[in-house]
Amino acid sequence: MNEQFLAEAQAAAQVADAIYQAADILTKLRMKPDRDMAFERIETIRLQIISGQIVLTQENLSEMCGIRAEISAAADTQSRLIALGKLATTLGKHLVC
């Protein structure tokens, strides 16, 4: 389950990164904080999974799959920003402090 969650999170972040790379400069400025945070949190979660600090559930995986689909389907800048924010926030709630 943990590996599937990470794969979904990474795929969502990569879709967001592709959108970021194609965006104009103003959109990039708005997207960058959440985009960077998502990638950082993915790596932190990966390390915490390896060390046995995190065990994710099917519910967590389903939520991440939904966010990935939302990012992929986002048609305008505002919906992309919202979806990217959800990705960063959802990843953050799985971190062990």
PDB file of N, CA and C in Angstrom:
ATOM      1  N   MET A   1       0.830  -1.191   0.000  1.00  0.00           N
ATOM      2  CA  MET A   1       0.000   0.000   0.000  1.00  0.00           C
ATOM      3  C   MET A   1       0.874   1.255   0.000  1.00  0.00           C
ATOM      4  N   ASN A   2       1.923   1.215   0.809  1.00  0.00           N
ATOM      5  CA  ASN A   2       2.796   2.385   0.898  1.00  0.00           C
ATOM      6  C   ASN A   2       3.434   2.724  -0.447  1.00  0.00           C
ATOM      7  N   GLU A   3       3.902   1.686  -1.140  1.00  0.00           N
ATOM      8  CA  GLU A   3       4.551   1.921  -2.433  1.00  0.00           C
ATOM      9  C   GLU A   3       3.565   2.434  -3.474  1.00  0.00           C
ATOM     10  N   GLN A   4       2.350   1.938  -3.436  1.00  0.00           N
ATOM     11  CA  GLN A   4       1.323   2.413  -4.366  1.00  0.00           C
ATOM     12  C   GLN A   4       0.995   3.881  -4.090  1.00  0.00           C
ATOM     13  N   PHE A   5       0.893   4.223  -2.820  1.00  0.00           N
ATOM     14  CA  PHE A   5       0.636   5.615  -2.446  1.00  0.00           C
ATOM     15  C   PHE A   5       1.748   6.506  -2.981  1.00  0.00           C
ATOM     16  N   LEU A   6       2.990   6.087  -2.757  1.00  0.00           N
ATOM     17  CA  LEU A   6       4.126   6.889  -3.249  1.00  0.00           C
ATOM     18  C   LEU A   6       4.106   7.014  -4.766  1.00  0.00           C
ATOM     19  N   ALA A   7       3.776   5.932  -5.455  1.00  0.00           N
ATOM     20  CA  ALA A   7       3.724   5.978  -6.921  1.00  0.00           C
ATOM     21  C   ALA A   7       2.650   6.959  -7.385  1.00  0.00           C
ATOM     22  N   GLU A   8       1.487   6.938  -6.754  1.00  0.00           N
ATOM     23  CA  GLU A   8       0.418   7.878  -7.103  1.00  0.00           C
ATOM     24  C   GLU A   8       0.824   9.319  -6.791  1.00  0.00           C
ATOM     25  N   ALA A   9       1.429   9.514  -5.628  1.00  0.00           N
ATOM     26  CA  ALA A   9       1.864  10.859  -5.247  1.00  0.00           C
ATOM     27  C   ALA A   9       2.917  11.381  -6.221  1.00  0.00           C
ATOM     28  N   GLN A  10       3.862  10.536  -6.582  1.00  0.00           N
ATOM     29  CA  GLN A  10       4.909  10.935  -7.523  1.00  0.00           C
ATOM     30  C   GLN A  10       4.304  11.249  -8.895  1.00  0.00           C
ATOM     31  N   ALA A  11       3.372  10.425  -9.339  1.00  0.00           N
ATOM     32  CA  ALA A  11       2.720  10.668 -10.629  1.00  0.00           C
ATOM     33  C   ALA A  11       1.947  11.982 -10.607  1.00  0.00           C
ATOM     34  N   ALA A  12       1.241  12.248  -9.509  1.00  0.00           N
ATOM     35  CA  ALA A  12       0.506  13.512  -9.388  1.00  0.00           C
ATOM     36  C   ALA A  12       1.462  14.692  -9.420  1.00  0.00           C
ATOM     37  N   ALA A  13       2.575  14.571  -8.713  1.00  0.00           N
ATOM     38  CA  ALA A  13       3.561  15.653  -8.685  1.00  0.00           C
ATOM     39  C   ALA A  13       4.189  15.851 -10.073  1.00  0.00           C
ATOM     40  N   GLN A  14       4.393  14.770 -10.798  1.00  0.00           N
ATOM     41  CA  GLN A  14       4.966  14.897 -12.139  1.00  0.00           C
ATOM     42  C   GLN A  14       3.999  15.562 -13.115  1.00  0.00           C
ATOM     43  N   VAL A  15       2.722  15.245 -12.983  1.00  0.00           N
ATOM     44  CA  VAL A  15       1.721  15.930 -13.816  1.00  0.00           C
ATOM     45  C   VAL A  15       1.708  17.416 -13.470  1.00  0.00           C
ATOM     46  N   ALA A  16       1.724  17.714 -12.186  1.00  0.00           N
ATOM     47  CA  ALA A  16       1.751  19.113 -11.750  1.00  0.00           C
ATOM     48  C   ALA A  16       3.009  19.809 -12.263  1.00  0.00           C
ATOM     49  N   ASP A  17       4.126  19.103 -12.260  1.00  0.00           N
ATOM     50  CA  ASP A  17       5.374  19.693 -12.747  1.00  0.00           C
ATOM     51  C   ASP A  17       5.299  19.972 -14.252  1.00  0.00           C
ATOM     52  N   ALA A  18       4.686  19.083 -15.000  1.00  0.00           N
ATOM     53  CA  ALA A  18       4.533  19.318 -16.442  1.00  0.00           C
ATOM     54  C   ALA A  18       3.667  20.549 -16.696  1.00  0.00           C
ATOM     55  N   ILE A  19       2.609  20.693 -15.904  1.00  0.00           N
ATOM     56  CA  ILE A  19       1.754  21.873 -16.017  1.00  0.00           C
ATOM     57  C   ILE A  19       2.561  23.121 -15.651  1.00  0.00           C
ATOM     58  N   TYR A  20       3.332  23.020 -14.591  1.00  0.00           N
ATOM     59  CA  TYR A  20       4.185  24.125 -14.142  1.00  0.00           C
ATOM     60  C   TYR A  20       5.162  24.529 -15.250  1.00  0.00           C
ATOM     61  N   GLN A  21       5.824  23.558 -15.864  1.00  0.00           N
ATOM     62  CA  GLN A  21       6.826  23.844 -16.900  1.00  0.00           C
ATOM     63  C   GLN A  21       6.208  24.557 -18.108  1.00  0.00           C
ATOM     64  N   ALA A  22       4.947  24.249 -18.403  1.00  0.00           N
ATOM     65  CA  ALA A  22       4.282  24.850 -19.563  1.00  0.00           C
ATOM     66  C   ALA A  22       3.609  26.187 -19.244  1.00  0.00           C
ATOM     67  N   ALA A  23       3.569  26.553 -17.974  1.00  0.00           N
ATOM     68  CA  ALA A  23       2.834  27.754 -17.550  1.00  0.00           C
ATOM     69  C   ALA A  23       3.603  29.038 -17.853  1.00  0.00           C
ATOM     70  N   ASP A  24       2.855  30.147 -17.867  1.00  0.00           N
ATOM     71  CA  ASP A  24       3.494  31.450 -17.999  1.00  0.00           C
ATOM     72  C   ASP A  24       4.156  31.810 -16.660  1.00  0.00           C
ATOM     73  N   ILE A  25       4.953  32.841 -16.652  1.00  0.00           N
ATOM     74  CA  ILE A  25       5.759  33.187 -15.489  1.00  0.00           C
ATOM     75  C   ILE A  25       4.909  33.518 -14.261  1.00  0.00           C
ATOM     76  N   LEU A  26       3.795  34.213 -14.437  1.00  0.00           N
ATOM     77  CA  LEU A  26       2.950  34.550 -13.285  1.00  0.00           C
ATOM     78  C   LEU A  26       2.326  33.303 -12.660  1.00  0.00           C
ATOM     79  N   THR A  27       1.900  32.375 -13.493  1.00  0.00           N
ATOM     80  CA  THR A  27       1.341  31.125 -12.981  1.00  0.00           C
ATOM     81  C   THR A  27       2.425  30.306 -12.286  1.00  0.00           C
ATOM     82  N   LYS A  28       3.616  30.300 -12.860  1.00  0.00           N
ATOM     83  CA  LYS A  28       4.730  29.583 -12.222  1.00  0.00           C
ATOM     84  C   LYS A  28       5.005  30.131 -10.823  1.00  0.00           C
ATOM     85  N   LEU A  29       4.961  31.438 -10.688  1.00  0.00           N
ATOM     86  CA  LEU A  29       5.203  32.041  -9.372  1.00  0.00           C
ATOM     87  C   LEU A  29       4.145  31.599  -8.360  1.00  0.00           C
ATOM     88  N   ARG A  30       2.918  31.441  -8.815  1.00  0.00           N
ATOM     89  CA  ARG A  30       1.839  31.014  -7.912  1.00  0.00           C
ATOM     90  C   ARG A  30       1.916  29.521  -7.604  1.00  0.00           C
ATOM     91  N   MET A  31       2.387  28.727  -8.550  1.00  0.00           N
ATOM     92  CA  MET A  31       2.443  27.279  -8.379  1.00  0.00           C
ATOM     93  C   MET A  31       3.671  26.792  -7.624  1.00  0.00           C
ATOM     94  N   LYS A  32       4.761  27.513  -7.739  1.00  0.00           N
ATOM     95  CA  LYS A  32       6.053  27.024  -7.244  1.00  0.00           C
ATOM     96  C   LYS A  32       6.061  26.597  -5.783  1.00  0.00           C
ATOM     97  N   PRO A  33       5.508  27.363  -4.855  1.00  0.00           N
ATOM     98  CA  PRO A  33       5.592  26.928  -3.451  1.00  0.00           C
ATOM     99  C   PRO A  33       4.944  25.560  -3.196  1.00  0.00           C
ATOM    100  N   ASP A  34       3.740  25.352  -3.713  1.00  0.00           N
ATOM    101  CA  ASP A  34       3.070  24.064  -3.504  1.00  0.00           C
ATOM    102  C   ASP A  34       3.737  22.943  -4.289  1.00  0.00           C
ATOM    103  N   ARG A  35       4.208  23.245  -5.473  1.00  0.00           N
ATOM    104  CA  ARG A  35       4.917  22.247  -6.282  1.00  0.00           C
ATOM    105  C   ARG A  35       6.161  21.778  -5.556  1.00  0.00           C
ATOM    106  N   ASP A  36       6.975  22.708  -5.090  1.00  0.00           N
ATOM    107  CA  ASP A  36       8.202  22.345  -4.380  1.00  0.00           C
ATOM    108  C   ASP A  36       7.890  21.595  -3.087  1.00  0.00           C
ATOM    109  N   MET A  37       6.864  22.061  -2.372  1.00  0.00           N
ATOM    110  CA  MET A  37       6.482  21.410  -1.125  1.00  0.00           C
ATOM    111  C   MET A  37       6.040  19.970  -1.374  1.00  0.00           C
ATOM    112  N   ALA A  38       5.297  19.741  -2.451  1.00  0.00           N
ATOM    113  CA  ALA A  38       4.832  18.391  -2.767  1.00  0.00           C
ATOM    114  C   ALA A  38       6.023  17.456  -2.982  1.00  0.00           C
ATOM    115  N   PHE A  39       6.993  17.878  -3.774  1.00  0.00           N
ATOM    116  CA  PHE A  39       8.166  17.035  -4.017  1.00  0.00           C
ATOM    117  C   PHE A  39       8.959  16.789  -2.730  1.00  0.00           C
ATOM    118  N   GLU A  40       9.114  17.803  -1.906  1.00  0.00           N
ATOM    119  CA  GLU A  40       9.825  17.642  -0.637  1.00  0.00           C
ATOM    120  C   GLU A  40       9.086  16.670   0.279  1.00  0.00           C
ATOM    121  N   ARG A  41       7.780  16.795   0.345  1.00  0.00           N
ATOM    122  CA  ARG A  41       6.996  15.920   1.229  1.00  0.00           C
ATOM    123  C   ARG A  41       6.985  14.482   0.732  1.00  0.00           C
ATOM    124  N   ILE A  42       6.989  14.286  -0.566  1.00  0.00           N
ATOM    125  CA  ILE A  42       7.073  12.929  -1.111  1.00  0.00           C
ATOM    126  C   ILE A  42       8.354  12.265  -0.636  1.00  0.00           C
ATOM    127  N   GLU A  43       9.454  12.974  -0.709  1.00  0.00           N
ATOM    128  CA  GLU A  43      10.736  12.405  -0.268  1.00  0.00           C
ATOM    129  C   GLU A  43      10.751  12.138   1.231  1.00  0.00           C
ATOM    130  N   THR A  44      10.173  13.030   2.009  1.00  0.00           N
ATOM    131  CA  THR A  44      10.108  12.823   3.461  1.00  0.00           C
ATOM    132  C   THR A  44       9.253  11.607   3.783  1.00  0.00           C
ATOM    133  N   ILE A  45       8.113  11.485   3.122  1.00  0.00           N
ATOM    134  CA  ILE A  45       7.247  10.326   3.337  1.00  0.00           C
ATOM    135  C   ILE A  45       7.969   9.045   2.935  1.00  0.00           C
ATOM    136  N   ARG A  46       8.690   9.087   1.824  1.00  0.00           N
ATOM    137  CA  ARG A  46       9.450   7.910   1.372  1.00  0.00           C
ATOM    138  C   ARG A  46      10.418   7.458   2.464  1.00  0.00           C
ATOM    139  N   LEU A  47      11.147   8.389   3.035  1.00  0.00           N
ATOM    140  CA  LEU A  47      12.104   8.059   4.097  1.00  0.00           C
ATOM    141  C   LEU A  47      11.391   7.541   5.344  1.00  0.00           C
ATOM    142  N   GLN A  48      10.250   8.120   5.665  1.00  0.00           N
ATOM    143  CA  GLN A  48       9.511   7.672   6.843  1.00  0.00           C
ATOM    144  C   GLN A  48       8.896   6.286   6.630  1.00  0.00           C
ATOM    145  N   ILE A  49       8.522   5.973   5.419  1.00  0.00           N
ATOM    146  CA  ILE A  49       8.025   4.630   5.114  1.00  0.00           C
ATOM    147  C   ILE A  49       9.163   3.623   5.264  1.00  0.00           C
ATOM    148  N   ILE A  50      10.310   3.955   4.722  1.00  0.00           N
ATOM    149  CA  ILE A  50      11.466   3.058   4.812  1.00  0.00           C
ATOM    150  C   ILE A  50      11.824   2.771   6.264  1.00  0.00           C
ATOM    151  N   SER A  51      11.731   3.779   7.103  1.00  0.00           N
ATOM    152  CA  SER A  51      12.086   3.600   8.511  1.00  0.00           C
ATOM    153  C   SER A  51      10.937   3.011   9.341  1.00  0.00           C
ATOM    154  N   GLY A  52       9.795   2.748   8.700  1.00  0.00           N
ATOM    155  CA  GLY A  52       8.678   2.134   9.389  1.00  0.00           C
ATOM    156  C   GLY A  52       7.830   3.081  10.212  1.00  0.00           C
ATOM    157  N   GLN A  53       7.974   4.367  10.010  1.00  0.00           N
ATOM    158  CA  GLN A  53       7.211   5.352  10.774  1.00  0.00           C
ATOM    159  C   GLN A  53       5.801   5.559  10.242  1.00  0.00           C
ATOM    160  N   ILE A  54       5.572   5.228   8.981  1.00  0.00           N
ATOM    161  CA  ILE A  54       4.278   5.475   8.338  1.00  0.00           C
ATOM    162  C   ILE A  54       3.749   4.176   7.750  1.00  0.00           C
ATOM    163  N   VAL A  55       2.481   3.925   7.984  1.00  0.00           N
ATOM    164  CA  VAL A  55       1.769   2.838   7.325  1.00  0.00           C
ATOM    165  C   VAL A  55       0.493   3.450   6.761  1.00  0.00           C
ATOM    166  N   LEU A  56       0.357   3.403   5.458  1.00  0.00           N
ATOM    167  CA  LEU A  56      -0.779   4.016   4.790  1.00  0.00           C
ATOM    168  C   LEU A  56      -1.862   2.984   4.513  1.00  0.00           C
ATOM    169  N   THR A  57      -3.081   3.451   4.351  1.00  0.00           N
ATOM    170  CA  THR A  57      -4.239   2.579   4.169  1.00  0.00           C
ATOM    171  C   THR A  57      -4.802   2.702   2.754  1.00  0.00           C
ATOM    172  N   GLN A  58      -5.768   1.838   2.467  1.00  0.00           N
ATOM    173  CA  GLN A  58      -6.463   1.910   1.185  1.00  0.00           C
ATOM    174  C   GLN A  58      -7.167   3.257   1.039  1.00  0.00           C
ATOM    175  N   GLU A  59      -7.690   3.774   2.121  1.00  0.00           N
ATOM    176  CA  GLU A  59      -8.348   5.082   2.096  1.00  0.00           C
ATOM    177  C   GLU A  59      -7.364   6.179   1.689  1.00  0.00           C
ATOM    178  N   ASN A  60      -6.146   6.112   2.225  1.00  0.00           N
ATOM    179  CA  ASN A  60      -5.117   7.087   1.852  1.00  0.00           C
ATOM    180  C   ASN A  60      -4.787   6.982   0.369  1.00  0.00           C
ATOM    181  N   LEU A  61      -4.675   5.751  -0.121  1.00  0.00           N
ATOM    182  CA  LEU A  61      -4.380   5.527  -1.535  1.00  0.00           C
ATOM    183  C   LEU A  61      -5.509   6.057  -2.412  1.00  0.00           C
ATOM    184  N   SER A  62      -6.744   5.790  -2.027  1.00  0.00           N
ATOM    185  CA  SER A  62      -7.892   6.274  -2.812  1.00  0.00           C
ATOM    186  C   SER A  62      -7.914   7.801  -2.877  1.00  0.00           C
ATOM    187  N   GLU A  63      -7.614   8.434  -1.753  1.00  0.00           N
ATOM    188  CA  GLU A  63      -7.571   9.896  -1.724  1.00  0.00           C
ATOM    189  C   GLU A  63      -6.493  10.426  -2.675  1.00  0.00           C
ATOM    190  N   MET A  64      -5.325   9.795  -2.675  1.00  0.00           N
ATOM    191  CA  MET A  64      -4.238  10.239  -3.554  1.00  0.00           C
ATOM    192  C   MET A  64      -4.595  10.002  -5.020  1.00  0.00           C
ATOM    193  N   CYS A  65      -5.242   8.898  -5.321  1.00  0.00           N
ATOM    194  CA  CYS A  65      -5.679   8.637  -6.703  1.00  0.00           C
ATOM    195  C   CYS A  65      -6.655   9.719  -7.170  1.00  0.00           C
ATOM    196  N   GLY A  66      -7.542  10.138  -6.274  1.00  0.00           N
ATOM    197  CA  GLY A  66      -8.490  11.201  -6.603  1.00  0.00           C
ATOM    198  C   GLY A  66      -7.802  12.524  -6.875  1.00  0.00           C
ATOM    199  N   ILE A  67      -6.797  12.831  -6.079  1.00  0.00           N
ATOM    200  CA  ILE A  67      -6.051  14.083  -6.279  1.00  0.00           C
ATOM    201  C   ILE A  67      -5.285  14.040  -7.585  1.00  0.00           C
ATOM    202  N   ARG A  68      -4.683  12.892  -7.879  1.00  0.00           N
ATOM    203  CA  ARG A  68      -3.959  12.757  -9.150  1.00  0.00           C
ATOM    204  C   ARG A  68      -4.916  12.997 -10.319  1.00  0.00           C
ATOM    205  N   ALA A  69      -6.101  12.397 -10.254  1.00  0.00           N
ATOM    206  CA  ALA A  69      -7.093  12.581 -11.323  1.00  0.00           C
ATOM    207  C   ALA A  69      -7.534  14.041 -11.409  1.00  0.00           C
ATOM    208  N   GLU A  70      -7.681  14.679 -10.264  1.00  0.00           N
ATOM    209  CA  GLU A  70      -8.087  16.089 -10.242  1.00  0.00           C
ATOM    210  C   GLU A  70      -7.027  16.979 -10.897  1.00  0.00           C
ATOM    211  N   ILE A  71      -5.766  16.711 -10.608  1.00  0.00           N
ATOM    212  CA  ILE A  71      -4.684  17.497 -11.222  1.00  0.00           C
ATOM    213  C   ILE A  71      -4.682  17.279 -12.726  1.00  0.00           C
ATOM    214  N   SER A  72      -4.814  16.026 -13.145  1.00  0.00           N
ATOM    215  CA  SER A  72      -4.808  15.712 -14.583  1.00  0.00           C
ATOM    216  C   SER A  72      -5.973  16.355 -15.317  1.00  0.00           C
ATOM    217  N   ALA A  73      -7.121  16.464 -14.652  1.00  0.00           N
ATOM    218  CA  ALA A  73      -8.321  16.994 -15.295  1.00  0.00           C
ATOM    219  C   ALA A  73      -8.449  18.514 -15.205  1.00  0.00           C
ATOM    220  N   ALA A  74      -7.615  19.142 -14.399  1.00  0.00           N
ATOM    221  CA  ALA A  74      -7.724  20.596 -14.201  1.00  0.00           C
ATOM    222  C   ALA A  74      -7.571  21.313 -15.537  1.00  0.00           C
ATOM    223  N   ALA A  75      -8.547  22.134 -15.847  1.00  0.00           N
ATOM    224  CA  ALA A  75      -8.582  22.773 -17.157  1.00  0.00           C
ATOM    225  C   ALA A  75      -8.126  24.225 -17.150  1.00  0.00           C
ATOM    226  N   ASP A  76      -8.131  24.849 -15.985  1.00  0.00           N
ATOM    227  CA  ASP A  76      -7.730  26.248 -15.940  1.00  0.00           C
ATOM    228  C   ASP A  76      -6.754  26.467 -14.782  1.00  0.00           C
ATOM    229  N   THR A  77      -6.161  27.620 -14.768  1.00  0.00           N
ATOM    230  CA  THR A  77      -5.131  27.931 -13.780  1.00  0.00           C
ATOM    231  C   THR A  77      -5.641  27.798 -12.360  1.00  0.00           C
ATOM    232  N   GLN A  78      -6.815  28.318 -12.082  1.00  0.00           N
ATOM    233  CA  GLN A  78      -7.340  28.280 -10.719  1.00  0.00           C
ATOM    234  C   GLN A  78      -7.550  26.848 -10.236  1.00  0.00           C
ATOM    235  N   SER A  79      -8.140  26.001 -11.075  1.00  0.00           N
ATOM    236  CA  SER A  79      -8.376  24.615 -10.661  1.00  0.00           C
ATOM    237  C   SER A  79      -7.055  23.858 -10.515  1.00  0.00           C
ATOM    238  N   ARG A  80      -6.060  24.202 -11.314  1.00  0.00           N
ATOM    239  CA  ARG A  80      -4.731  23.586 -11.173  1.00  0.00           C
ATOM    240  C   ARG A  80      -4.084  23.986  -9.856  1.00  0.00           C
ATOM    241  N   LEU A  81      -4.203  25.257  -9.504  1.00  0.00           N
ATOM    242  CA  LEU A  81      -3.637  25.726  -8.237  1.00  0.00           C
ATOM    243  C   LEU A  81      -4.316  25.060  -7.049  1.00  0.00           C
ATOM    244  N   ILE A  82      -5.617  24.922  -7.121  1.00  0.00           N
ATOM    245  CA  ILE A  82      -6.364  24.276  -6.033  1.00  0.00           C
ATOM    246  C   ILE A  82      -5.951  22.806  -5.914  1.00  0.00           C
ATOM    247  N   ALA A  83      -5.880  22.110  -7.029  1.00  0.00           N
ATOM    248  CA  ALA A  83      -5.500  20.693  -7.004  1.00  0.00           C
ATOM    249  C   ALA A  83      -4.073  20.502  -6.487  1.00  0.00           C
ATOM    250  N   LEU A  84      -3.175  21.368  -6.894  1.00  0.00           N
ATOM    251  CA  LEU A  84      -1.793  21.279  -6.419  1.00  0.00           C
ATOM    252  C   LEU A  84      -1.716  21.565  -4.923  1.00  0.00           C
ATOM    253  N   GLY A  85      -2.497  22.515  -4.459  1.00  0.00           N
ATOM    254  CA  GLY A  85      -2.565  22.791  -3.025  1.00  0.00           C
ATOM    255  C   GLY A  85      -3.088  21.596  -2.247  1.00  0.00           C
ATOM    256  N   LYS A  86      -4.084  20.902  -2.812  1.00  0.00           N
ATOM    257  CA  LYS A  86      -4.615  19.696  -2.167  1.00  0.00           C
ATOM    258  C   LYS A  86      -3.544  18.611  -2.078  1.00  0.00           C
ATOM    259  N   LEU A  87      -2.744  18.483  -3.131  1.00  0.00           N
ATOM    260  CA  LEU A  87      -1.677  17.492  -3.126  1.00  0.00           C
ATOM    261  C   LEU A  87      -0.693  17.782  -1.992  1.00  0.00           C
ATOM    262  N   ALA A  88      -0.221  19.010  -1.912  1.00  0.00           N
ATOM    263  CA  ALA A  88       0.743  19.373  -0.873  1.00  0.00           C
ATOM    264  C   ALA A  88       0.145  19.200   0.525  1.00  0.00           C
ATOM    265  N   THR A  89      -1.105  19.602   0.694  1.00  0.00           N
ATOM    266  CA  THR A  89      -1.767  19.491   1.990  1.00  0.00           C
ATOM    267  C   THR A  89      -1.974  18.023   2.385  1.00  0.00           C
ATOM    268  N   THR A  90      -2.433  17.226   1.461  1.00  0.00           N
ATOM    269  CA  THR A  90      -2.670  15.808   1.743  1.00  0.00           C
ATOM    270  C   THR A  90      -1.369  15.108   2.088  1.00  0.00           C
ATOM    271  N   LEU A  91      -0.318  15.400   1.378  1.00  0.00           N
ATOM    272  CA  LEU A  91       0.973  14.803   1.708  1.00  0.00           C
ATOM    273  C   LEU A  91       1.418  15.230   3.103  1.00  0.00           C
ATOM    274  N   GLY A  92       1.178  16.481   3.443  1.00  0.00           N
ATOM    275  CA  GLY A  92       1.582  16.994   4.736  1.00  0.00           C
ATOM    276  C   GLY A  92       0.898  16.313   5.903  1.00  0.00           C
ATOM    277  N   LYS A  93      -0.346  15.886   5.717  1.00  0.00           N
ATOM    278  CA  LYS A  93      -1.049  15.261   6.829  1.00  0.00           C
ATOM    279  C   LYS A  93      -0.569  13.829   7.088  1.00  0.00           C
ATOM    280  N   HIS A  94       0.244  13.283   6.187  1.00  0.00           N
ATOM    281  CA  HIS A  94       0.783  11.942   6.394  1.00  0.00           C
ATOM    282  C   HIS A  94       2.195  11.939   6.970  1.00  0.00           C
ATOM    283  N   LEU A  95       2.765  13.121   7.127  1.00  0.00           N
ATOM    284  CA  LEU A  95       4.116  13.206   7.686  1.00  0.00           C
ATOM    285  C   LEU A  95       4.088  12.930   9.181  1.00  0.00           C
ATOM    286  N   VAL A  96       5.119  12.247   9.640  1.00  0.00           N
ATOM    287  CA  VAL A  96       5.299  12.025  11.073  1.00  0.00           C
ATOM    288  C   VAL A  96       6.258  13.097  11.561  1.00  0.00           C
ATOM    289  N   CYS A  97       5.808  13.903  12.501  1.00  0.00           N
ATOM    290  CA  CYS A  97       6.640  15.003  12.989  1.00  0.00           C
ATOM    291  C   CYS A  97       7.594  14.561  14.066  1.00  0.00           C
TER     292      CYS A  97
END
